[in-house]
């Protein structure tokens, strides 16, 4: 398993990835081929801006809000 922190720490880099398969009855693990992957950086254009229903005109006035604040983000694909 590759952790999210490992992905984040290597954004913009090329990483070397391989794995081993251990099977019952075999003395040694089976090694995969070595692969290089470039972990691309995400630009700000990959994310939509959050929408706050209680912020008309894009300005949230906390003094004027008397209900829960709802922030909506579009799904990131």
C-alpha atoms as a PDB file:
ATOM      1  CA  UNK A   1       0.000   0.000   0.000  1.00  0.00           C
ATOM      2  CA  UNK A   2       1.250   3.463  -0.871  1.00  0.00           C
ATOM      3  CA  UNK A   3       0.184   6.086   1.651  1.00  0.00           C
ATOM      4  CA  UNK A   4      -1.273   9.466   0.708  1.00  0.00           C
ATOM      5  CA  UNK A   5       1.634  11.173   2.479  1.00  0.00           C
ATOM      6  CA  UNK A   6       4.106   9.308   0.253  1.00  0.00           C
ATOM      7  CA  UNK A   7       2.230  10.467  -2.847  1.00  0.00           C
ATOM      8  CA  UNK A   8       2.086  14.068  -1.622  1.00  0.00           C
ATOM      9  CA  UNK A   9       5.765  14.114  -0.681  1.00  0.00           C
ATOM     10  CA  UNK A  10       6.737  12.955  -4.188  1.00  0.00           C
ATOM     11  CA  UNK A  11       4.489  15.170  -6.341  1.00  0.00           C
ATOM     12  CA  UNK A  12       6.388  16.343  -9.402  1.00  0.00           C
ATOM     13  CA  UNK A  13       8.899  13.508  -9.016  1.00  0.00           C
ATOM     14  CA  UNK A  14       9.568  10.217 -10.745  1.00  0.00           C
ATOM     15  CA  UNK A  15       9.311   7.208  -8.429  1.00  0.00           C
ATOM     16  CA  UNK A  16      10.512   3.636  -8.852  1.00  0.00           C
ATOM     17  CA  UNK A  17       7.857   1.030  -8.005  1.00  0.00           C
ATOM     18  CA  UNK A  18       8.037  -2.744  -7.696  1.00  0.00           C
ATOM     19  CA  UNK A  19       6.388  -5.420  -5.596  1.00  0.00           C
ATOM     20  CA  UNK A  20       6.994  -8.968  -4.383  1.00  0.00           C
ATOM     21  CA  UNK A  21       4.509 -11.837  -4.342  1.00  0.00           C
ATOM     22  CA  UNK A  22       5.009 -14.456  -1.655  1.00  0.00           C
ATOM     23  CA  UNK A  23       3.350 -17.806  -2.373  1.00  0.00           C
ATOM     24  CA  UNK A  24       3.093 -20.853  -0.166  1.00  0.00           C
ATOM     25  CA  UNK A  25       5.464 -23.576  -1.273  1.00  0.00           C
ATOM     26  CA  UNK A  26       7.984 -21.267  -2.944  1.00  0.00           C
ATOM     27  CA  UNK A  27      11.301 -20.645  -1.232  1.00  0.00           C
ATOM     28  CA  UNK A  28      11.646 -17.102  -2.592  1.00  0.00           C
ATOM     29  CA  UNK A  29       9.180 -14.318  -3.409  1.00  0.00           C
ATOM     30  CA  UNK A  30       8.384 -13.555  -7.044  1.00  0.00           C
ATOM     31  CA  UNK A  31       9.545 -10.039  -7.936  1.00  0.00           C
ATOM     32  CA  UNK A  32       7.635  -7.787 -10.329  1.00  0.00           C
ATOM     33  CA  UNK A  33       9.219  -5.773 -13.080  1.00  0.00           C
ATOM     34  CA  UNK A  34      10.580  -2.410 -12.027  1.00  0.00           C
ATOM     35  CA  UNK A  35       8.416   0.495 -13.182  1.00  0.00           C
ATOM     36  CA  UNK A  36       8.945   4.247 -13.191  1.00  0.00           C
ATOM     37  CA  UNK A  37       5.986   6.541 -12.587  1.00  0.00           C
ATOM     38  CA  UNK A  38       5.842  10.319 -12.658  1.00  0.00           C
ATOM     39  CA  UNK A  39       3.581  11.717  -9.968  1.00  0.00           C
ATOM     40  CA  UNK A  40       2.116  14.840 -11.538  1.00  0.00           C
ATOM     41  CA  UNK A  41       1.436  18.021  -9.614  1.00  0.00           C
ATOM     42  CA  UNK A  42      -2.170  19.134  -9.361  1.00  0.00           C
ATOM     43  CA  UNK A  43      -2.798  22.661 -10.554  1.00  0.00           C
ATOM     44  CA  UNK A  44      -5.412  24.918  -9.047  1.00  0.00           C
ATOM     45  CA  UNK A  45      -7.465  24.454 -12.214  1.00  0.00           C
ATOM     46  CA  UNK A  46      -8.048  20.838 -11.124  1.00  0.00           C
ATOM     47  CA  UNK A  47     -10.250  21.958  -8.242  1.00  0.00           C
ATOM     48  CA  UNK A  48     -13.523  23.834  -8.299  1.00  0.00           C
ATOM     49  CA  UNK A  49     -14.010  26.753  -5.939  1.00  0.00           C
ATOM     50  CA  UNK A  50     -16.115  25.997  -2.866  1.00  0.00           C
ATOM     51  CA  UNK A  51     -19.587  27.524  -2.824  1.00  0.00           C
ATOM     52  CA  UNK A  52     -20.942  28.911   0.452  1.00  0.00           C
ATOM     53  CA  UNK A  53     -24.713  29.351   0.380  1.00  0.00           C
ATOM     54  CA  UNK A  54     -24.620  31.956   3.166  1.00  0.00           C
ATOM     55  CA  UNK A  55     -22.034  34.122   1.325  1.00  0.00           C
ATOM     56  CA  UNK A  56     -23.879  36.277  -1.193  1.00  0.00           C
ATOM     57  CA  UNK A  57     -21.418  37.904  -3.566  1.00  0.00           C
ATOM     58  CA  UNK A  58     -18.645  35.620  -2.317  1.00  0.00           C
ATOM     59  CA  UNK A  59     -18.283  37.363   1.073  1.00  0.00           C
ATOM     60  CA  UNK A  60     -19.162  35.486   4.255  1.00  0.00           C
ATOM     61  CA  UNK A  61     -20.283  37.820   7.052  1.00  0.00           C
ATOM     62  CA  UNK A  62     -20.203  35.657  10.179  1.00  0.00           C
ATOM     63  CA  UNK A  63     -22.099  38.307  12.155  1.00  0.00           C
ATOM     64  CA  UNK A  64     -25.032  38.005   9.728  1.00  0.00           C
ATOM     65  CA  UNK A  65     -25.198  34.193   9.738  1.00  0.00           C
ATOM     66  CA  UNK A  66     -27.705  32.746  12.211  1.00  0.00           C
ATOM     67  CA  UNK A  67     -27.852  29.190  10.842  1.00  0.00           C
ATOM     68  CA  UNK A  68     -25.363  26.462   9.981  1.00  0.00           C
ATOM     69  CA  UNK A  69     -22.870  27.385   7.282  1.00  0.00           C
ATOM     70  CA  UNK A  70     -22.955  25.009   4.310  1.00  0.00           C
ATOM     71  CA  UNK A  71     -19.914  24.681   2.051  1.00  0.00           C
ATOM     72  CA  UNK A  72     -20.388  22.712  -1.171  1.00  0.00           C
ATOM     73  CA  UNK A  73     -17.514  21.255  -3.200  1.00  0.00           C
ATOM     74  CA  UNK A  74     -17.945  19.560  -6.558  1.00  0.00           C
ATOM     75  CA  UNK A  75     -16.676  15.995  -6.710  1.00  0.00           C
ATOM     76  CA  UNK A  76     -13.013  15.749  -7.656  1.00  0.00           C
ATOM     77  CA  UNK A  77     -12.387  13.163 -10.333  1.00  0.00           C
END
